């Protein structure tokens, strides 16, 4: 049984898209898996009910996804989870999250846990952050970074913070949030590799219509065409590349 954690260098760098693509990618390589968003702030209203937008995206590749399994804490306000939980009087119980993860592992084999924002997003009013949670879990993490300008600084700082906590890093996936210049992106990736000495799993090309792309099994294959399966396989505990 395996757990992978998907984190980001910031909010809105594409963690949910990568989590969704990773689900499809692993299942195409014969690994049963379940994408899990334990804590979701910014619920959206759909047909009179409040739903978690990230698991809604997961459903584009796993229609059988059960909403009650895919998200444990659904908070309405679109803000840091610690504030949303405080405003709604919700106490986030990490032992309950751990129990749910273990149940999902037993049922599906591999669990892909999507975090909230970047490393230092607080999850409780006491200042317990995503990075503290990741450190406690001790599972390999995939870093999602934007492909364009500004990513070198954010990605290297993220890697250094994770290494300080001894959080295993499977590698980095660069997401073309904008239609970035190819030469700039290639240089960004090379400098991150050089400065941080971290594996690069691959890229996610720019996408005009995310939902349409993810819903099409053939189209979405193009969006992980350059991913290094051996790096991810190594992170999952199989004989392969060394985790950073």
C-alpha atoms as a PDB file:
ATOM      1  CA  UNK A   1       0.000   0.000   0.000  1.00  0.00           C
ATOM      2  CA  UNK A   2       1.273   3.463  -0.981  1.00  0.00           C
ATOM      3  CA  UNK A   3       0.617   7.133  -0.215  1.00  0.00           C
ATOM      4  CA  UNK A   4       1.877  10.014  -2.374  1.00  0.00           C
ATOM      5  CA  UNK A   5       1.438  13.652  -1.349  1.00  0.00           C
ATOM      6  CA  UNK A   6       0.905  16.411  -3.924  1.00  0.00           C
ATOM      7  CA  UNK A   7       1.983  19.851  -2.732  1.00  0.00           C
ATOM      8  CA  UNK A   8       2.589  23.148  -4.510  1.00  0.00           C
ATOM      9  CA  UNK A   9       4.947  26.081  -4.468  1.00  0.00           C
ATOM     10  CA  UNK A  10       1.891  28.332  -3.982  1.00  0.00           C
ATOM     11  CA  UNK A  11      -1.875  28.466  -4.320  1.00  0.00           C
ATOM     12  CA  UNK A  12      -3.265  28.089  -7.856  1.00  0.00           C
ATOM     13  CA  UNK A  13      -0.239  26.382  -9.374  1.00  0.00           C
ATOM     14  CA  UNK A  14      -2.305  23.420 -10.596  1.00  0.00           C
ATOM     15  CA  UNK A  15      -2.160  20.833  -7.800  1.00  0.00           C
ATOM     16  CA  UNK A  16      -5.670  19.600  -8.558  1.00  0.00           C
ATOM     17  CA  UNK A  17      -5.016  19.194 -12.263  1.00  0.00           C
ATOM     18  CA  UNK A  18      -1.790  17.322 -11.514  1.00  0.00           C
ATOM     19  CA  UNK A  19      -3.530  15.124  -8.919  1.00  0.00           C
ATOM     20  CA  UNK A  20      -6.210  14.286 -11.478  1.00  0.00           C
ATOM     21  CA  UNK A  21      -3.661  13.580 -14.214  1.00  0.00           C
ATOM     22  CA  UNK A  22      -1.544  11.532 -11.796  1.00  0.00           C
ATOM     23  CA  UNK A  23      -4.568   9.357 -11.049  1.00  0.00           C
ATOM     24  CA  UNK A  24      -5.019   8.658 -14.755  1.00  0.00           C
ATOM     25  CA  UNK A  25      -1.256   8.228 -15.289  1.00  0.00           C
ATOM     26  CA  UNK A  26      -0.863   5.640 -12.529  1.00  0.00           C
ATOM     27  CA  UNK A  27      -3.976   3.722 -13.531  1.00  0.00           C
ATOM     28  CA  UNK A  28      -2.669   3.590 -17.111  1.00  0.00           C
ATOM     29  CA  UNK A  29       0.457   1.992 -15.645  1.00  0.00           C
ATOM     30  CA  UNK A  30      -1.601  -0.622 -13.823  1.00  0.00           C
ATOM     31  CA  UNK A  31      -1.776   0.947 -10.339  1.00  0.00           C
ATOM     32  CA  UNK A  32      -5.164   1.253  -8.677  1.00  0.00           C
ATOM     33  CA  UNK A  33      -5.327   4.574  -6.848  1.00  0.00           C
ATOM     34  CA  UNK A  34      -7.654   7.040  -5.153  1.00  0.00           C
ATOM     35  CA  UNK A  35      -7.217  10.854  -5.166  1.00  0.00           C
ATOM     36  CA  UNK A  36      -8.011  12.302  -1.726  1.00  0.00           C
ATOM     37  CA  UNK A  37      -8.483  15.945  -0.706  1.00  0.00           C
ATOM     38  CA  UNK A  38      -8.807  15.725   3.087  1.00  0.00           C
ATOM     39  CA  UNK A  39      -9.298  19.461   3.655  1.00  0.00           C
ATOM     40  CA  UNK A  40     -11.052  21.655   1.081  1.00  0.00           C
ATOM     41  CA  UNK A  41     -11.903  25.302   1.620  1.00  0.00           C
ATOM     42  CA  UNK A  42     -13.930  27.242  -0.939  1.00  0.00           C
ATOM     43  CA  UNK A  43     -16.895  24.900  -1.369  1.00  0.00           C
ATOM     44  CA  UNK A  44     -19.155  25.558  -4.352  1.00  0.00           C
ATOM     45  CA  UNK A  45     -22.918  25.198  -4.550  1.00  0.00           C
ATOM     46  CA  UNK A  46     -24.222  22.644  -7.033  1.00  0.00           C
ATOM     47  CA  UNK A  47     -27.863  21.592  -7.374  1.00  0.00           C
ATOM     48  CA  UNK A  48     -28.598  22.961  -3.919  1.00  0.00           C
ATOM     49  CA  UNK A  49     -25.712  21.137  -2.228  1.00  0.00           C
ATOM     50  CA  UNK A  50     -22.230  22.258  -1.198  1.00  0.00           C
ATOM     51  CA  UNK A  51     -19.547  20.281  -3.020  1.00  0.00           C
ATOM     52  CA  UNK A  52     -15.755  20.139  -2.967  1.00  0.00           C
ATOM     53  CA  UNK A  53     -14.443  21.546  -6.283  1.00  0.00           C
ATOM     54  CA  UNK A  54     -11.185  19.570  -6.312  1.00  0.00           C
ATOM     55  CA  UNK A  55     -12.805  16.111  -6.002  1.00  0.00           C
ATOM     56  CA  UNK A  56     -15.287  17.257  -8.650  1.00  0.00           C
ATOM     57  CA  UNK A  57     -12.309  17.522 -10.989  1.00  0.00           C
ATOM     58  CA  UNK A  58     -11.089  14.069  -9.941  1.00  0.00           C
ATOM     59  CA  UNK A  59     -14.449  12.701 -11.080  1.00  0.00           C
ATOM     60  CA  UNK A  60     -13.531  13.599 -14.652  1.00  0.00           C
ATOM     61  CA  UNK A  61     -11.167  10.610 -14.641  1.00  0.00           C
ATOM     62  CA  UNK A  62     -12.880   8.486 -11.980  1.00  0.00           C
ATOM     63  CA  UNK A  63     -16.640   8.749 -12.353  1.00  0.00           C
ATOM     64  CA  UNK A  64     -17.111   6.253  -9.530  1.00  0.00           C
ATOM     65  CA  UNK A  65     -15.351   8.631  -7.115  1.00  0.00           C
ATOM     66  CA  UNK A  66     -17.391   8.863  -3.908  1.00  0.00           C
ATOM     67  CA  UNK A  67     -17.669  12.460  -2.684  1.00  0.00           C
ATOM     68  CA  UNK A  68     -17.939  11.419   0.947  1.00  0.00           C
ATOM     69  CA  UNK A  69     -14.653   9.491   0.641  1.00  0.00           C
ATOM     70  CA  UNK A  70     -12.737  12.020  -1.447  1.00  0.00           C
ATOM     71  CA  UNK A  71     -13.069  14.946   0.983  1.00  0.00           C
ATOM     72  CA  UNK A  72     -13.288  14.775   4.753  1.00  0.00           C
ATOM     73  CA  UNK A  73     -13.492  18.462   5.735  1.00  0.00           C
ATOM     74  CA  UNK A  74     -15.460  20.690   3.349  1.00  0.00           C
ATOM     75  CA  UNK A  75     -15.301  24.362   4.343  1.00  0.00           C
ATOM     76  CA  UNK A  76     -17.339  27.032   2.596  1.00  0.00           C
ATOM     77  CA  UNK A  77     -15.163  30.123   2.740  1.00  0.00           C
ATOM     78  CA  UNK A  78     -12.457  30.421   0.075  1.00  0.00           C
ATOM     79  CA  UNK A  79      -9.530  31.260   2.344  1.00  0.00           C
ATOM     80  CA  UNK A  80      -6.814  29.568   4.373  1.00  0.00           C
ATOM     81  CA  UNK A  81      -8.243  26.376   5.927  1.00  0.00           C
ATOM     82  CA  UNK A  82      -7.406  27.503   9.473  1.00  0.00           C
ATOM     83  CA  UNK A  83      -9.605  30.596   9.111  1.00  0.00           C
ATOM     84  CA  UNK A  84     -12.421  28.823   7.261  1.00  0.00           C
ATOM     85  CA  UNK A  85     -12.518  26.104   9.933  1.00  0.00           C
ATOM     86  CA  UNK A  86     -12.449  28.669  12.735  1.00  0.00           C
ATOM     87  CA  UNK A  87     -15.311  30.674  11.202  1.00  0.00           C
ATOM     88  CA  UNK A  88     -17.403  27.521  10.823  1.00  0.00           C
ATOM     89  CA  UNK A  89     -16.546  26.089  14.233  1.00  0.00           C
ATOM     90  CA  UNK A  90     -14.857  23.033  12.724  1.00  0.00           C
ATOM     91  CA  UNK A  91     -12.077  21.192  14.539  1.00  0.00           C
ATOM     92  CA  UNK A  92      -9.814  19.409  12.056  1.00  0.00           C
ATOM     93  CA  UNK A  93      -8.877  16.043  13.532  1.00  0.00           C
ATOM     94  CA  UNK A  94      -5.714  14.727  11.875  1.00  0.00           C
ATOM     95  CA  UNK A  95      -6.100  11.324  13.496  1.00  0.00           C
ATOM     96  CA  UNK A  96      -9.419  11.032  11.663  1.00  0.00           C
ATOM     97  CA  UNK A  97      -7.690  11.984   8.398  1.00  0.00           C
ATOM     98  CA  UNK A  98      -5.063   9.313   9.068  1.00  0.00           C
ATOM     99  CA  UNK A  99      -7.757   6.709   9.666  1.00  0.00           C
ATOM    100  CA  UNK A 100      -9.490   7.631   6.406  1.00  0.00           C
ATOM    101  CA  UNK A 101      -6.185   7.398   4.526  1.00  0.00           C
ATOM    102  CA  UNK A 102      -5.554   3.932   5.903  1.00  0.00           C
ATOM    103  CA  UNK A 103      -9.058   2.846   4.890  1.00  0.00           C
ATOM    104  CA  UNK A 104      -8.509   4.178   1.376  1.00  0.00           C
ATOM    105  CA  UNK A 105      -5.113   2.468   1.165  1.00  0.00           C
ATOM    106  CA  UNK A 106      -6.692  -0.832   2.107  1.00  0.00           C
ATOM    107  CA  UNK A 107      -9.467  -0.376  -0.442  1.00  0.00           C
ATOM    108  CA  UNK A 108      -7.525   1.069  -3.391  1.00  0.00           C
ATOM    109  CA  UNK A 109      -3.833   0.300  -2.855  1.00  0.00           C
ATOM    110  CA  UNK A 110      -2.478   3.788  -3.597  1.00  0.00           C
ATOM    111  CA  UNK A 111      -3.750   7.081  -2.171  1.00  0.00           C
ATOM    112  CA  UNK A 112      -2.821  10.423  -3.722  1.00  0.00           C
ATOM    113  CA  UNK A 113      -3.255  13.087  -1.063  1.00  0.00           C
ATOM    114  CA  UNK A 114      -3.644  16.656  -2.319  1.00  0.00           C
ATOM    115  CA  UNK A 115      -2.574  19.337   0.121  1.00  0.00           C
ATOM    116  CA  UNK A 116      -3.845  22.895   0.490  1.00  0.00           C
ATOM    117  CA  UNK A 117      -1.880  25.751  -1.086  1.00  0.00           C
ATOM    118  CA  UNK A 118       1.845  25.838  -0.340  1.00  0.00           C
ATOM    119  CA  UNK A 119       3.897  24.441   2.531  1.00  0.00           C
ATOM    120  CA  UNK A 120       3.230  27.149   5.080  1.00  0.00           C
ATOM    121  CA  UNK A 121      -0.524  27.401   4.679  1.00  0.00           C
ATOM    122  CA  UNK A 122      -1.878  27.073   8.243  1.00  0.00           C
ATOM    123  CA  UNK A 123      -4.429  24.341   8.842  1.00  0.00           C
ATOM    124  CA  UNK A 124      -5.241  25.258  12.447  1.00  0.00           C
ATOM    125  CA  UNK A 125      -5.342  28.520  14.391  1.00  0.00           C
ATOM    126  CA  UNK A 126      -2.418  27.211  16.482  1.00  0.00           C
ATOM    127  CA  UNK A 127      -0.225  27.493  13.376  1.00  0.00           C
ATOM    128  CA  UNK A 128      -0.043  23.823  12.391  1.00  0.00           C
ATOM    129  CA  UNK A 129       0.831  24.089   8.695  1.00  0.00           C
ATOM    130  CA  UNK A 130       0.763  21.841   5.654  1.00  0.00           C
ATOM    131  CA  UNK A 131       4.514  21.252   6.028  1.00  0.00           C
ATOM    132  CA  UNK A 132       4.000  20.043   9.627  1.00  0.00           C
ATOM    133  CA  UNK A 133       1.384  17.602   8.416  1.00  0.00           C
ATOM    134  CA  UNK A 134       3.661  16.379   5.622  1.00  0.00           C
ATOM    135  CA  UNK A 135       6.540  15.945   8.067  1.00  0.00           C
ATOM    136  CA  UNK A 136       4.332  13.847  10.332  1.00  0.00           C
ATOM    137  CA  UNK A 137       3.146  11.684   7.449  1.00  0.00           C
ATOM    138  CA  UNK A 138       6.669  11.106   6.135  1.00  0.00           C
ATOM    139  CA  UNK A 139       5.426  10.025   2.706  1.00  0.00           C
ATOM    140  CA  UNK A 140       7.010  10.999  -0.644  1.00  0.00           C
ATOM    141  CA  UNK A 141       5.793  14.265  -2.103  1.00  0.00           C
ATOM    142  CA  UNK A 142       5.462  15.568  -5.640  1.00  0.00           C
ATOM    143  CA  UNK A 143       5.947  19.322  -5.947  1.00  0.00           C
ATOM    144  CA  UNK A 144       3.788  21.184  -8.459  1.00  0.00           C
ATOM    145  CA  UNK A 145       5.372  24.413  -9.690  1.00  0.00           C
ATOM    146  CA  UNK A 146       4.352  26.914 -12.307  1.00  0.00           C
ATOM    147  CA  UNK A 147       6.465  26.731 -15.425  1.00  0.00           C
ATOM    148  CA  UNK A 148       6.972  30.443 -16.052  1.00  0.00           C
ATOM    149  CA  UNK A 149       8.838  33.400 -14.603  1.00  0.00           C
ATOM    150  CA  UNK A 150       9.265  33.407 -10.808  1.00  0.00           C
ATOM    151  CA  UNK A 151       9.260  29.667 -10.375  1.00  0.00           C
ATOM    152  CA  UNK A 152      12.981  29.239  -9.691  1.00  0.00           C
ATOM    153  CA  UNK A 153      12.866  31.084  -6.376  1.00  0.00           C
ATOM    154  CA  UNK A 154       9.596  29.533  -5.195  1.00  0.00           C
ATOM    155  CA  UNK A 155      10.558  25.995  -6.164  1.00  0.00           C
ATOM    156  CA  UNK A 156      14.047  26.070  -4.657  1.00  0.00           C
ATOM    157  CA  UNK A 157      12.687  27.508  -1.396  1.00  0.00           C
ATOM    158  CA  UNK A 158      10.032  24.783  -1.302  1.00  0.00           C
ATOM    159  CA  UNK A 159      12.637  22.065  -1.832  1.00  0.00           C
ATOM    160  CA  UNK A 160      14.918  23.488   0.865  1.00  0.00           C
ATOM    161  CA  UNK A 161      12.060  23.733   3.381  1.00  0.00           C
ATOM    162  CA  UNK A 162      11.065  20.125   2.714  1.00  0.00           C
ATOM    163  CA  UNK A 163      14.624  18.861   3.015  1.00  0.00           C
ATOM    164  CA  UNK A 164      14.997  20.674   6.321  1.00  0.00           C
ATOM    165  CA  UNK A 165      12.033  18.609   7.575  1.00  0.00           C
ATOM    166  CA  UNK A 166      13.417  15.449   5.920  1.00  0.00           C
ATOM    167  CA  UNK A 167      10.303  15.100   3.756  1.00  0.00           C
ATOM    168  CA  UNK A 168      11.125  12.758   0.831  1.00  0.00           C
ATOM    169  CA  UNK A 169      10.748  14.447  -2.563  1.00  0.00           C
ATOM    170  CA  UNK A 170       9.702  12.326  -5.526  1.00  0.00           C
ATOM    171  CA  UNK A 171      10.295  15.203  -7.940  1.00  0.00           C
ATOM    172  CA  UNK A 172       8.842  18.337  -9.490  1.00  0.00           C
ATOM    173  CA  UNK A 173       6.140  18.722 -12.139  1.00  0.00           C
ATOM    174  CA  UNK A 174       6.108  22.074 -13.940  1.00  0.00           C
ATOM    175  CA  UNK A 175       2.667  23.301 -14.983  1.00  0.00           C
ATOM    176  CA  UNK A 176       2.201  25.702 -17.898  1.00  0.00           C
ATOM    177  CA  UNK A 177      -0.435  27.868 -16.211  1.00  0.00           C
ATOM    178  CA  UNK A 178       0.077  30.445 -18.948  1.00  0.00           C
ATOM    179  CA  UNK A 179       1.269  29.920 -22.482  1.00  0.00           C
ATOM    180  CA  UNK A 180       4.848  30.462 -21.362  1.00  0.00           C
ATOM    181  CA  UNK A 181       7.821  30.847 -23.697  1.00  0.00           C
ATOM    182  CA  UNK A 182       9.451  27.465 -24.187  1.00  0.00           C
ATOM    183  CA  UNK A 183      13.023  28.729 -23.879  1.00  0.00           C
ATOM    184  CA  UNK A 184      12.213  30.366 -20.538  1.00  0.00           C
ATOM    185  CA  UNK A 185      10.548  27.242 -19.177  1.00  0.00           C
ATOM    186  CA  UNK A 186      13.437  24.982 -20.198  1.00  0.00           C
ATOM    187  CA  UNK A 187      15.900  27.311 -18.512  1.00  0.00           C
ATOM    188  CA  UNK A 188      13.717  27.474 -15.382  1.00  0.00           C
ATOM    189  CA  UNK A 189      13.674  23.692 -15.163  1.00  0.00           C
ATOM    190  CA  UNK A 190      17.405  23.406 -15.678  1.00  0.00           C
ATOM    191  CA  UNK A 191      18.173  26.040 -13.032  1.00  0.00           C
ATOM    192  CA  UNK A 192      15.852  24.370 -10.506  1.00  0.00           C
ATOM    193  CA  UNK A 193      17.542  21.057 -11.221  1.00  0.00           C
ATOM    194  CA  UNK A 194      20.960  22.649 -10.794  1.00  0.00           C
ATOM    195  CA  UNK A 195      20.232  24.798  -7.717  1.00  0.00           C
ATOM    196  CA  UNK A 196      18.071  22.330  -5.824  1.00  0.00           C
ATOM    197  CA  UNK A 197      19.455  19.022  -7.138  1.00  0.00           C
ATOM    198  CA  UNK A 198      15.933  17.692  -7.427  1.00  0.00           C
ATOM    199  CA  UNK A 199      14.435  15.269  -9.998  1.00  0.00           C
ATOM    200  CA  UNK A 200      12.140  16.725 -12.676  1.00  0.00           C
ATOM    201  CA  UNK A 201       9.234  14.372 -13.329  1.00  0.00           C
ATOM    202  CA  UNK A 202       7.923  16.321 -16.304  1.00  0.00           C
ATOM    203  CA  UNK A 203       5.584  19.065 -17.419  1.00  0.00           C
ATOM    204  CA  UNK A 204       1.898  19.774 -17.937  1.00  0.00           C
ATOM    205  CA  UNK A 205       1.409  21.696 -21.215  1.00  0.00           C
ATOM    206  CA  UNK A 206      -0.787  24.785 -21.382  1.00  0.00           C
ATOM    207  CA  UNK A 207      -4.473  23.917 -21.585  1.00  0.00           C
ATOM    208  CA  UNK A 208      -7.324  26.169 -22.756  1.00  0.00           C
ATOM    209  CA  UNK A 209     -10.130  23.968 -21.448  1.00  0.00           C
ATOM    210  CA  UNK A 210      -9.015  21.914 -18.446  1.00  0.00           C
ATOM    211  CA  UNK A 211     -12.292  20.107 -17.819  1.00  0.00           C
ATOM    212  CA  UNK A 212     -12.758  19.108 -21.461  1.00  0.00           C
ATOM    213  CA  UNK A 213      -9.183  17.821 -21.638  1.00  0.00           C
ATOM    214  CA  UNK A 214      -9.342  15.810 -18.417  1.00  0.00           C
ATOM    215  CA  UNK A 215     -12.655  14.223 -19.403  1.00  0.00           C
ATOM    216  CA  UNK A 216     -11.122  12.857 -22.635  1.00  0.00           C
ATOM    217  CA  UNK A 217      -8.968   9.775 -21.977  1.00  0.00           C
ATOM    218  CA  UNK A 218      -6.909  10.252 -25.135  1.00  0.00           C
ATOM    219  CA  UNK A 219      -6.404  14.001 -24.757  1.00  0.00           C
ATOM    220  CA  UNK A 220      -5.211  13.779 -21.187  1.00  0.00           C
ATOM    221  CA  UNK A 221      -2.486  11.304 -22.142  1.00  0.00           C
ATOM    222  CA  UNK A 222      -0.850  14.165 -24.030  1.00  0.00           C
ATOM    223  CA  UNK A 223      -0.641  16.126 -20.779  1.00  0.00           C
ATOM    224  CA  UNK A 224       1.583  13.583 -19.049  1.00  0.00           C
ATOM    225  CA  UNK A 225       3.391  12.327 -22.137  1.00  0.00           C
ATOM    226  CA  UNK A 226       6.822  13.414 -20.850  1.00  0.00           C
ATOM    227  CA  UNK A 227       6.402  12.268 -17.235  1.00  0.00           C
ATOM    228  CA  UNK A 228       9.121   9.996 -15.900  1.00  0.00           C
ATOM    229  CA  UNK A 229       7.274   6.958 -14.584  1.00  0.00           C
ATOM    230  CA  UNK A 230      10.419   5.501 -13.056  1.00  0.00           C
ATOM    231  CA  UNK A 231      10.773   8.503 -10.714  1.00  0.00           C
ATOM    232  CA  UNK A 232       7.211   8.065  -9.510  1.00  0.00           C
ATOM    233  CA  UNK A 233       7.619   4.296  -9.336  1.00  0.00           C
ATOM    234  CA  UNK A 234      10.684   4.813  -7.163  1.00  0.00           C
ATOM    235  CA  UNK A 235       8.738   7.098  -4.838  1.00  0.00           C
ATOM    236  CA  UNK A 236       6.076   4.435  -4.527  1.00  0.00           C
ATOM    237  CA  UNK A 237       8.661   2.075  -3.061  1.00  0.00           C
ATOM    238  CA  UNK A 238       9.497   0.024  -6.106  1.00  0.00           C
ATOM    239  CA  UNK A 239      13.066  -0.579  -7.222  1.00  0.00           C
ATOM    240  CA  UNK A 240      13.933   2.505  -9.255  1.00  0.00           C
ATOM    241  CA  UNK A 241      15.398   5.983  -8.994  1.00  0.00           C
ATOM    242  CA  UNK A 242      16.571   7.425  -5.683  1.00  0.00           C
ATOM    243  CA  UNK A 243      14.214   9.858  -3.954  1.00  0.00           C
ATOM    244  CA  UNK A 244      15.727  13.301  -3.386  1.00  0.00           C
END
